[in-house]
Amino acid sequence: MLKKLSLLVIYPISKFFCRIFAKNKLENLERFFIDINNWLVIRTIRKKPEKLLLLMPHCLQFSDCEYRVTGKEIKCKMCGKCEIKDLMDISKKYDVRLSVATGGTMARNIIKEIKPDLIIATACERDLISGLKDTVSLPVIGILNERPNGPCIDTRVDLCKITTLIDFLKGLSYEKK
């Protein structure tokens, strides 16, 4: 309830005032609401998620790669030029599903198909906020990507944050029914 209120009511009002009074601070506002969302999601998790989804953006892929890493099957050749290889290794090690999406529509379709208990998603501030609003009824933890080459090209993600989060989630005990 508090997550829904935060993302669907307080965020749009804050964004409105931010656009009027502090145009250059919108990314800071988005980061703040992503942090609030993550805090609310983590504090409400009561048991180990059985179906955990790592949902990543296609911009993590090496821009000159000839192989397609989006869609139902990730066809990565594991060259190590981008973090897709590392994410695939994490996916196998922790037995979690990894999906790479080209945008919001594909991400929503992946979520509908997999029906995860919890999602760890990576994107830029704008796309992550949009995704959090689209999935407000689902527990989604957002990790901002790093953009050393600018937006949407050869981006990166903090793999340590992802593994630490998965370790925490996997360490939770199952709730007795």
N, C-alpha and C. Protein backbone atom coordinates (compact mmCIF):
# COMPACT_ATOMS: atom_id res chain seq x y z
N MET A 1 0.82 -1.19 0.00
CA MET A 1 0.00 0.00 0.00
C MET A 1 0.87 1.26 0.00
N LEU A 2 1.88 1.26 0.89
CA LEU A 2 2.76 2.42 0.98
C LEU A 2 3.59 2.57 -0.31
N LYS A 3 3.99 1.44 -0.89
CA LYS A 3 4.74 1.47 -2.15
C LYS A 3 3.87 2.07 -3.26
N LYS A 4 2.62 1.64 -3.32
CA LYS A 4 1.69 2.14 -4.34
C LYS A 4 1.48 3.65 -4.16
N LEU A 5 1.26 4.08 -2.93
CA LEU A 5 1.08 5.50 -2.62
C LEU A 5 2.31 6.30 -3.03
N SER A 6 3.48 5.76 -2.70
CA SER A 6 4.73 6.44 -3.00
C SER A 6 4.93 6.61 -4.50
N LEU A 7 4.75 5.52 -5.27
CA LEU A 7 5.04 5.57 -6.71
C LEU A 7 3.93 6.19 -7.55
N LEU A 8 2.69 6.02 -7.13
CA LEU A 8 1.59 6.47 -7.98
C LEU A 8 0.99 7.81 -7.57
N VAL A 9 1.28 8.27 -6.36
CA VAL A 9 0.72 9.55 -5.93
C VAL A 9 1.83 10.55 -5.59
N ILE A 10 2.68 10.19 -4.64
CA ILE A 10 3.70 11.14 -4.16
C ILE A 10 4.74 11.43 -5.25
N TYR A 11 5.18 10.39 -5.96
CA TYR A 11 6.19 10.61 -7.01
C TYR A 11 5.70 11.57 -8.10
N PRO A 12 4.51 11.35 -8.69
CA PRO A 12 4.07 12.29 -9.74
C PRO A 12 3.94 13.74 -9.25
N ILE A 13 3.47 13.92 -8.03
CA ILE A 13 3.36 15.27 -7.48
C ILE A 13 4.76 15.88 -7.31
N SER A 14 5.68 15.10 -6.77
CA SER A 14 7.06 15.57 -6.58
C SER A 14 7.71 15.89 -7.92
N LYS A 15 7.46 15.04 -8.91
CA LYS A 15 8.03 15.24 -10.24
C LYS A 15 7.50 16.54 -10.86
N PHE A 16 6.21 16.81 -10.67
CA PHE A 16 5.61 18.04 -11.17
C PHE A 16 6.33 19.26 -10.61
N PHE A 17 6.51 19.28 -9.28
CA PHE A 17 7.18 20.43 -8.66
C PHE A 17 8.66 20.49 -9.01
N CYS A 18 9.26 19.33 -9.17
CA CYS A 18 10.68 19.28 -9.56
C CYS A 18 10.87 19.87 -10.95
N ARG A 19 9.96 19.58 -11.85
CA ARG A 19 10.06 20.12 -13.22
C ARG A 19 9.88 21.64 -13.24
N ILE A 20 9.10 22.15 -12.32
CA ILE A 20 8.87 23.60 -12.27
C ILE A 20 10.03 24.31 -11.59
N PHE A 21 10.47 23.78 -10.44
CA PHE A 21 11.42 24.52 -9.60
C PHE A 21 12.86 24.02 -9.67
N ALA A 22 13.08 22.77 -10.04
CA ALA A 22 14.44 22.23 -10.02
C ALA A 22 14.64 21.27 -11.20
N LYS A 23 14.59 21.80 -12.38
CA LYS A 23 14.62 20.98 -13.60
C LYS A 23 15.83 20.04 -13.67
N ASN A 24 16.96 20.50 -13.19
CA ASN A 24 18.16 19.68 -13.28
C ASN A 24 18.26 18.65 -12.14
N LYS A 25 17.28 18.56 -11.29
CA LYS A 25 17.31 17.63 -10.15
C LYS A 25 16.39 16.42 -10.32
N LEU A 26 15.82 16.25 -11.51
CA LEU A 26 14.87 15.16 -11.72
C LEU A 26 15.50 13.78 -11.50
N GLU A 27 16.73 13.57 -11.97
CA GLU A 27 17.39 12.28 -11.76
C GLU A 27 17.59 12.01 -10.27
N ASN A 28 17.89 13.04 -9.50
CA ASN A 28 18.04 12.86 -8.04
C ASN A 28 16.71 12.44 -7.41
N LEU A 29 15.63 13.05 -7.88
CA LEU A 29 14.30 12.69 -7.37
C LEU A 29 13.99 11.23 -7.71
N GLU A 30 14.30 10.84 -8.95
CA GLU A 30 14.04 9.46 -9.36
C GLU A 30 14.87 8.48 -8.54
N ARG A 31 16.13 8.80 -8.31
CA ARG A 31 16.99 7.94 -7.46
C ARG A 31 16.40 7.81 -6.06
N PHE A 32 15.91 8.91 -5.52
CA PHE A 32 15.31 8.90 -4.18
C PHE A 32 14.12 7.95 -4.14
N PHE A 33 13.24 8.02 -5.14
CA PHE A 33 12.06 7.15 -5.13
C PHE A 33 12.41 5.69 -5.41
N ILE A 34 13.47 5.45 -6.16
CA ILE A 34 13.94 4.08 -6.36
C ILE A 34 14.45 3.53 -5.03
N ASP A 35 15.20 4.35 -4.29
CA ASP A 35 15.68 3.93 -2.96
C ASP A 35 14.51 3.66 -2.00
N ILE A 36 13.51 4.54 -2.03
CA ILE A 36 12.32 4.35 -1.18
C ILE A 36 11.63 3.03 -1.55
N ASN A 37 11.44 2.80 -2.84
CA ASN A 37 10.83 1.56 -3.31
C ASN A 37 11.62 0.35 -2.80
N ASN A 38 12.94 0.37 -2.97
CA ASN A 38 13.77 -0.76 -2.55
C ASN A 38 13.64 -1.00 -1.05
N TRP A 39 13.65 0.07 -0.27
CA TRP A 39 13.51 -0.05 1.17
C TRP A 39 12.16 -0.68 1.53
N LEU A 40 11.10 -0.20 0.89
CA LEU A 40 9.76 -0.73 1.16
C LEU A 40 9.65 -2.20 0.76
N VAL A 41 10.21 -2.56 -0.38
CA VAL A 41 10.15 -3.95 -0.83
C VAL A 41 10.94 -4.86 0.12
N ILE A 42 12.16 -4.48 0.43
CA ILE A 42 13.01 -5.32 1.28
C ILE A 42 12.41 -5.50 2.66
N ARG A 43 11.81 -4.46 3.19
CA ARG A 43 11.25 -4.59 4.55
C ARG A 43 9.97 -5.41 4.59
N THR A 44 9.35 -5.65 3.43
CA THR A 44 8.12 -6.45 3.42
C THR A 44 8.35 -7.91 3.01
N ILE A 45 9.57 -8.26 2.61
CA ILE A 45 9.84 -9.65 2.21
C ILE A 45 9.83 -10.51 3.47
N ARG A 46 9.00 -11.52 3.45
CA ARG A 46 8.85 -12.40 4.61
C ARG A 46 9.46 -13.78 4.42
N LYS A 47 9.66 -14.15 3.16
CA LYS A 47 10.22 -15.48 2.90
C LYS A 47 11.08 -15.46 1.65
N LYS A 48 11.88 -16.49 1.51
CA LYS A 48 12.76 -16.64 0.36
C LYS A 48 11.91 -16.75 -0.91
N PRO A 49 12.17 -15.91 -1.91
CA PRO A 49 11.41 -16.01 -3.15
C PRO A 49 11.78 -17.29 -3.91
N GLU A 50 10.77 -18.04 -4.32
CA GLU A 50 11.03 -19.28 -5.06
C GLU A 50 11.39 -18.99 -6.51
N LYS A 51 10.74 -18.00 -7.11
CA LYS A 51 11.01 -17.63 -8.50
C LYS A 51 11.55 -16.19 -8.53
N LEU A 52 12.86 -16.11 -8.63
CA LEU A 52 13.53 -14.82 -8.66
C LEU A 52 13.95 -14.53 -10.10
N LEU A 53 13.67 -13.32 -10.56
CA LEU A 53 13.99 -12.92 -11.93
C LEU A 53 14.99 -11.77 -11.93
N LEU A 54 16.08 -11.94 -12.67
CA LEU A 54 16.99 -10.84 -12.95
C LEU A 54 16.56 -10.27 -14.29
N LEU A 55 16.06 -9.05 -14.28
CA LEU A 55 15.56 -8.41 -15.50
C LEU A 55 16.51 -7.28 -15.87
N MET A 56 17.22 -7.47 -16.97
CA MET A 56 18.28 -6.55 -17.36
C MET A 56 17.96 -5.87 -18.69
N PRO A 57 18.51 -4.67 -18.90
CA PRO A 57 18.28 -3.97 -20.17
C PRO A 57 19.29 -4.42 -21.23
N HIS A 58 18.88 -4.36 -22.47
CA HIS A 58 19.76 -4.78 -23.57
C HIS A 58 20.98 -3.88 -23.72
N CYS A 59 20.93 -2.68 -23.17
CA CYS A 59 22.07 -1.76 -23.30
C CYS A 59 23.30 -2.23 -22.52
N LEU A 60 23.14 -3.29 -21.70
CA LEU A 60 24.31 -3.88 -21.04
C LEU A 60 25.18 -4.65 -22.03
N GLN A 61 24.59 -5.07 -23.14
CA GLN A 61 25.31 -5.85 -24.13
C GLN A 61 26.33 -4.98 -24.86
N PHE A 62 27.49 -5.55 -25.15
CA PHE A 62 28.53 -4.88 -25.93
C PHE A 62 27.92 -4.42 -27.25
N SER A 63 28.03 -3.13 -27.55
CA SER A 63 27.32 -2.55 -28.68
C SER A 63 27.72 -3.12 -30.04
N ASP A 64 28.92 -3.64 -30.18
CA ASP A 64 29.36 -4.21 -31.45
C ASP A 64 29.22 -5.73 -31.52
N CYS A 65 28.50 -6.29 -30.55
CA CYS A 65 28.33 -7.75 -30.51
C CYS A 65 27.41 -8.19 -31.65
N GLU A 66 27.76 -9.29 -32.28
CA GLU A 66 26.95 -9.80 -33.39
C GLU A 66 25.87 -10.77 -32.93
N TYR A 67 25.87 -11.12 -31.65
CA TYR A 67 24.91 -12.10 -31.13
C TYR A 67 23.77 -11.40 -30.40
N ARG A 68 22.63 -12.01 -30.42
CA ARG A 68 21.43 -11.44 -29.81
C ARG A 68 21.25 -11.99 -28.39
N VAL A 69 21.15 -11.10 -27.44
CA VAL A 69 20.98 -11.55 -26.06
C VAL A 69 19.58 -11.26 -25.51
N THR A 70 18.69 -10.78 -26.35
CA THR A 70 17.33 -10.51 -25.88
C THR A 70 16.39 -11.59 -26.40
N GLY A 71 15.22 -11.64 -25.83
CA GLY A 71 14.23 -12.61 -26.25
C GLY A 71 14.18 -13.81 -25.32
N LYS A 72 13.57 -14.88 -25.78
CA LYS A 72 13.37 -16.05 -24.93
C LYS A 72 14.66 -16.77 -24.59
N GLU A 73 15.62 -16.74 -25.50
CA GLU A 73 16.88 -17.44 -25.27
C GLU A 73 18.04 -16.47 -25.44
N ILE A 74 18.90 -16.41 -24.46
CA ILE A 74 20.07 -15.54 -24.53
C ILE A 74 21.15 -16.29 -25.29
N LYS A 75 21.56 -15.73 -26.41
CA LYS A 75 22.56 -16.38 -27.27
C LYS A 75 23.91 -15.67 -27.12
N CYS A 76 24.41 -15.66 -25.92
CA CYS A 76 25.68 -15.00 -25.62
C CYS A 76 26.82 -15.99 -25.88
N LYS A 77 27.89 -15.51 -26.47
CA LYS A 77 29.05 -16.36 -26.75
C LYS A 77 30.08 -16.27 -25.62
N MET A 78 29.73 -15.59 -24.53
CA MET A 78 30.55 -15.56 -23.32
C MET A 78 31.96 -15.00 -23.55
N CYS A 79 32.05 -13.96 -24.39
CA CYS A 79 33.36 -13.38 -24.70
C CYS A 79 33.91 -12.52 -23.56
N GLY A 80 33.01 -12.02 -22.70
CA GLY A 80 33.45 -11.21 -21.58
C GLY A 80 33.60 -9.72 -21.89
N LYS A 81 33.18 -9.29 -23.07
CA LYS A 81 33.30 -7.87 -23.42
C LYS A 81 32.22 -7.02 -22.75
N CYS A 82 31.21 -7.67 -22.21
CA CYS A 82 30.17 -6.96 -21.46
C CYS A 82 29.79 -7.81 -20.25
N GLU A 83 28.88 -7.34 -19.46
CA GLU A 83 28.52 -8.02 -18.23
C GLU A 83 27.45 -9.10 -18.41
N ILE A 84 26.99 -9.32 -19.62
CA ILE A 84 26.00 -10.37 -19.85
C ILE A 84 26.59 -11.72 -19.44
N LYS A 85 27.85 -11.98 -19.78
CA LYS A 85 28.51 -13.23 -19.40
C LYS A 85 28.48 -13.40 -17.88
N ASP A 86 28.85 -12.35 -17.16
CA ASP A 86 28.87 -12.41 -15.69
C ASP A 86 27.46 -12.62 -15.13
N LEU A 87 26.48 -11.97 -15.72
CA LEU A 87 25.09 -12.14 -15.28
C LEU A 87 24.61 -13.56 -15.54
N MET A 88 25.04 -14.15 -16.67
CA MET A 88 24.68 -15.54 -16.94
C MET A 88 25.33 -16.48 -15.92
N ASP A 89 26.58 -16.17 -15.55
CA ASP A 89 27.26 -16.97 -14.52
C ASP A 89 26.53 -16.86 -13.18
N ILE A 90 26.10 -15.65 -12.82
CA ILE A 90 25.35 -15.44 -11.57
C ILE A 90 24.04 -16.20 -11.64
N SER A 91 23.37 -16.13 -12.78
CA SER A 91 22.10 -16.83 -12.96
C SER A 91 22.25 -18.33 -12.74
N LYS A 92 23.30 -18.91 -13.30
CA LYS A 92 23.55 -20.35 -13.13
C LYS A 92 23.95 -20.68 -11.69
N LYS A 93 24.85 -19.88 -11.13
CA LYS A 93 25.34 -20.14 -9.77
C LYS A 93 24.21 -20.14 -8.75
N TYR A 94 23.30 -19.17 -8.87
CA TYR A 94 22.24 -19.01 -7.88
C TYR A 94 20.92 -19.64 -8.31
N ASP A 95 20.89 -20.21 -9.49
CA ASP A 95 19.68 -20.84 -10.03
C ASP A 95 18.51 -19.84 -10.05
N VAL A 96 18.77 -18.69 -10.67
CA VAL A 96 17.74 -17.67 -10.86
C VAL A 96 17.60 -17.41 -12.35
N ARG A 97 16.44 -16.97 -12.75
CA ARG A 97 16.15 -16.70 -14.16
C ARG A 97 16.74 -15.35 -14.55
N LEU A 98 17.38 -15.30 -15.70
CA LEU A 98 17.91 -14.06 -16.26
C LEU A 98 17.19 -13.78 -17.56
N SER A 99 16.68 -12.56 -17.71
CA SER A 99 16.07 -12.13 -18.96
C SER A 99 16.60 -10.75 -19.31
N VAL A 100 16.80 -10.53 -20.59
CA VAL A 100 17.27 -9.25 -21.09
C VAL A 100 16.18 -8.69 -21.99
N ALA A 101 15.74 -7.48 -21.70
CA ALA A 101 14.63 -6.86 -22.43
C ALA A 101 15.10 -5.64 -23.21
N THR A 102 14.45 -5.42 -24.34
CA THR A 102 14.76 -4.25 -25.17
C THR A 102 13.96 -3.02 -24.75
N GLY A 103 12.97 -3.20 -23.90
CA GLY A 103 12.17 -2.06 -23.47
C GLY A 103 11.03 -2.51 -22.57
N GLY A 104 10.17 -1.58 -22.24
CA GLY A 104 9.08 -1.82 -21.30
C GLY A 104 8.10 -2.89 -21.73
N THR A 105 7.73 -2.90 -23.01
CA THR A 105 6.76 -3.88 -23.48
C THR A 105 7.32 -5.29 -23.36
N MET A 106 8.56 -5.48 -23.79
CA MET A 106 9.18 -6.79 -23.67
C MET A 106 9.34 -7.18 -22.20
N ALA A 107 9.71 -6.24 -21.36
CA ALA A 107 9.86 -6.52 -19.93
C ALA A 107 8.54 -6.97 -19.32
N ARG A 108 7.46 -6.26 -19.65
CA ARG A 108 6.13 -6.65 -19.13
C ARG A 108 5.74 -8.04 -19.61
N ASN A 109 6.04 -8.36 -20.87
CA ASN A 109 5.72 -9.69 -21.40
C ASN A 109 6.53 -10.78 -20.70
N ILE A 110 7.78 -10.51 -20.44
CA ILE A 110 8.63 -11.47 -19.71
C ILE A 110 8.06 -11.73 -18.33
N ILE A 111 7.66 -10.66 -17.64
CA ILE A 111 7.10 -10.78 -16.29
C ILE A 111 5.81 -11.58 -16.32
N LYS A 112 4.94 -11.31 -17.30
CA LYS A 112 3.68 -12.06 -17.42
C LYS A 112 3.95 -13.54 -17.65
N GLU A 113 4.93 -13.85 -18.47
CA GLU A 113 5.24 -15.24 -18.80
C GLU A 113 5.87 -15.99 -17.61
N ILE A 114 6.82 -15.36 -16.95
CA ILE A 114 7.57 -16.03 -15.87
C ILE A 114 6.81 -16.03 -14.55
N LYS A 115 6.06 -14.96 -14.29
CA LYS A 115 5.33 -14.79 -13.02
C LYS A 115 6.26 -14.96 -11.81
N PRO A 116 7.29 -14.11 -11.73
CA PRO A 116 8.25 -14.25 -10.62
C PRO A 116 7.67 -13.79 -9.28
N ASP A 117 8.25 -14.32 -8.21
CA ASP A 117 7.89 -13.87 -6.86
C ASP A 117 8.54 -12.54 -6.54
N LEU A 118 9.72 -12.32 -7.13
CA LEU A 118 10.47 -11.09 -6.88
C LEU A 118 11.35 -10.82 -8.09
N ILE A 119 11.52 -9.54 -8.40
CA ILE A 119 12.32 -9.13 -9.55
C ILE A 119 13.45 -8.22 -9.09
N ILE A 120 14.64 -8.49 -9.59
CA ILE A 120 15.76 -7.55 -9.45
C ILE A 120 15.95 -6.97 -10.84
N ALA A 121 15.69 -5.68 -10.97
CA ALA A 121 15.73 -5.03 -12.28
C ALA A 121 16.81 -3.97 -12.32
N THR A 122 17.42 -3.84 -13.48
CA THR A 122 18.43 -2.82 -13.71
C THR A 122 17.99 -1.95 -14.88
N ALA A 123 18.20 -0.66 -14.75
CA ALA A 123 17.91 0.28 -15.83
C ALA A 123 18.40 1.66 -15.39
N CYS A 124 18.23 2.64 -16.27
CA CYS A 124 18.50 4.03 -15.90
C CYS A 124 17.34 4.53 -15.04
N GLU A 125 17.50 5.70 -14.46
CA GLU A 125 16.49 6.24 -13.55
C GLU A 125 15.10 6.30 -14.19
N ARG A 126 15.02 6.89 -15.36
CA ARG A 126 13.73 7.08 -16.03
C ARG A 126 13.04 5.75 -16.32
N ASP A 127 13.78 4.80 -16.89
CA ASP A 127 13.19 3.51 -17.24
C ASP A 127 12.85 2.69 -16.00
N LEU A 128 13.68 2.80 -14.98
CA LEU A 128 13.42 2.04 -13.75
C LEU A 128 12.17 2.56 -13.05
N ILE A 129 12.02 3.86 -12.95
CA ILE A 129 10.81 4.43 -12.34
C ILE A 129 9.58 4.01 -13.14
N SER A 130 9.67 4.08 -14.45
CA SER A 130 8.55 3.68 -15.30
C SER A 130 8.20 2.21 -15.05
N GLY A 131 9.19 1.36 -14.99
CA GLY A 131 8.96 -0.06 -14.72
C GLY A 131 8.39 -0.32 -13.35
N LEU A 132 8.86 0.41 -12.35
CA LEU A 132 8.34 0.25 -10.99
C LEU A 132 6.87 0.65 -10.94
N LYS A 133 6.50 1.69 -11.66
CA LYS A 133 5.09 2.10 -11.70
C LYS A 133 4.24 1.06 -12.43
N ASP A 134 4.79 0.46 -13.48
CA ASP A 134 4.06 -0.56 -14.24
C ASP A 134 3.84 -1.84 -13.43
N THR A 135 4.74 -2.10 -12.50
CA THR A 135 4.69 -3.35 -11.72
C THR A 135 4.48 -3.07 -10.24
N VAL A 136 3.72 -2.04 -9.94
CA VAL A 136 3.58 -1.58 -8.56
C VAL A 136 3.04 -2.67 -7.61
N SER A 137 2.31 -3.64 -8.13
CA SER A 137 1.77 -4.69 -7.27
C SER A 137 2.76 -5.83 -7.06
N LEU A 138 3.91 -5.79 -7.75
CA LEU A 138 4.92 -6.84 -7.60
C LEU A 138 6.12 -6.32 -6.82
N PRO A 139 6.80 -7.19 -6.10
CA PRO A 139 8.04 -6.75 -5.42
C PRO A 139 9.19 -6.67 -6.43
N VAL A 140 9.63 -5.45 -6.68
CA VAL A 140 10.74 -5.21 -7.61
C VAL A 140 11.79 -4.38 -6.89
N ILE A 141 13.02 -4.86 -6.93
CA ILE A 141 14.14 -4.12 -6.38
C ILE A 141 14.94 -3.58 -7.56
N GLY A 142 15.14 -2.28 -7.58
CA GLY A 142 15.81 -1.64 -8.71
C GLY A 142 17.26 -1.31 -8.41
N ILE A 143 18.11 -1.62 -9.37
CA ILE A 143 19.53 -1.27 -9.28
C ILE A 143 19.85 -0.41 -10.50
N LEU A 144 20.31 0.79 -10.26
CA LEU A 144 20.62 1.70 -11.37
C LEU A 144 21.83 1.21 -12.15
N ASN A 145 21.75 1.37 -13.46
CA ASN A 145 22.91 1.01 -14.27
C ASN A 145 23.89 2.17 -14.30
N GLU A 146 25.11 1.85 -14.69
CA GLU A 146 26.15 2.86 -14.82
C GLU A 146 26.31 3.14 -16.31
N ARG A 147 26.52 4.40 -16.66
CA ARG A 147 26.56 4.79 -18.07
C ARG A 147 27.88 5.50 -18.42
N PRO A 148 28.98 4.75 -18.44
CA PRO A 148 30.27 5.39 -18.72
C PRO A 148 30.38 5.94 -20.15
N ASN A 149 29.57 5.43 -21.07
CA ASN A 149 29.61 5.88 -22.47
C ASN A 149 28.35 6.66 -22.85
N GLY A 150 27.64 7.14 -21.86
CA GLY A 150 26.39 7.84 -22.12
C GLY A 150 25.22 6.88 -22.03
N PRO A 151 24.02 7.39 -22.25
CA PRO A 151 22.84 6.54 -22.12
C PRO A 151 22.73 5.49 -23.23
N CYS A 152 22.23 4.34 -22.85
CA CYS A 152 21.79 3.30 -23.80
C CYS A 152 22.89 2.62 -24.62
N ILE A 153 24.15 2.79 -24.25
CA ILE A 153 25.21 2.12 -25.00
C ILE A 153 26.30 1.64 -24.05
N ASP A 154 26.58 0.35 -24.12
CA ASP A 154 27.63 -0.26 -23.30
C ASP A 154 27.53 0.14 -21.83
N THR A 155 26.32 0.05 -21.28
CA THR A 155 26.13 0.38 -19.87
C THR A 155 26.66 -0.76 -19.01
N ARG A 156 26.69 -0.54 -17.72
CA ARG A 156 27.22 -1.53 -16.77
C ARG A 156 26.28 -1.61 -15.58
N VAL A 157 26.45 -2.65 -14.80
CA VAL A 157 25.69 -2.80 -13.57
C VAL A 157 26.66 -3.29 -12.49
N ASP A 158 26.42 -2.89 -11.27
CA ASP A 158 27.25 -3.31 -10.15
C ASP A 158 26.90 -4.76 -9.81
N LEU A 159 27.72 -5.69 -10.26
CA LEU A 159 27.48 -7.12 -10.06
C LEU A 159 27.54 -7.49 -8.58
N CYS A 160 28.35 -6.77 -7.83
CA CYS A 160 28.45 -7.02 -6.38
C CYS A 160 27.12 -6.73 -5.69
N LYS A 161 26.44 -5.66 -6.10
CA LYS A 161 25.12 -5.36 -5.53
C LYS A 161 24.14 -6.48 -5.82
N ILE A 162 24.19 -7.00 -7.03
CA ILE A 162 23.27 -8.07 -7.42
C ILE A 162 23.54 -9.33 -6.61
N THR A 163 24.80 -9.73 -6.52
CA THR A 163 25.12 -10.97 -5.77
C THR A 163 24.84 -10.81 -4.28
N THR A 164 25.12 -9.64 -3.73
CA THR A 164 24.83 -9.40 -2.31
C THR A 164 23.33 -9.50 -2.05
N LEU A 165 22.55 -8.93 -2.94
CA LEU A 165 21.09 -8.98 -2.81
C LEU A 165 20.57 -10.41 -2.94
N ILE A 166 21.09 -11.16 -3.91
CA ILE A 166 20.66 -12.55 -4.07
C ILE A 166 21.08 -13.37 -2.84
N ASP A 167 22.29 -13.15 -2.34
CA ASP A 167 22.73 -13.86 -1.12
C ASP A 167 21.76 -13.58 0.03
N PHE A 168 21.37 -12.32 0.18
CA PHE A 168 20.41 -11.96 1.24
C PHE A 168 19.09 -12.69 1.03
N LEU A 169 18.57 -12.63 -0.18
CA LEU A 169 17.27 -13.25 -0.48
C LEU A 169 17.31 -14.76 -0.33
N LYS A 170 18.39 -15.38 -0.78
CA LYS A 170 18.54 -16.83 -0.68
C LYS A 170 18.76 -17.27 0.78
N GLY A 171 19.25 -16.34 1.60
CA GLY A 171 19.49 -16.65 3.00
C GLY A 171 18.24 -16.62 3.87
N LEU A 172 17.16 -16.07 3.35
CA LEU A 172 15.92 -16.04 4.10
C LEU A 172 15.39 -17.46 4.25
N SER A 173 14.78 -17.76 5.36
CA SER A 173 14.22 -19.10 5.51
C SER A 173 12.79 -19.12 4.99
N TYR A 174 12.36 -20.28 4.57
CA TYR A 174 11.00 -20.42 4.06
C TYR A 174 10.01 -20.28 5.21
N GLU A 175 8.94 -19.57 4.92
CA GLU A 175 7.88 -19.37 5.91
C GLU A 175 7.09 -20.68 6.06
N LYS A 176 6.86 -21.10 7.27
CA LYS A 176 6.07 -22.32 7.51
C LYS A 176 4.60 -22.02 7.27
N LYS A 177 3.96 -22.96 6.57
CA LYS A 177 2.53 -22.76 6.25
C LYS A 177 1.66 -23.51 7.20
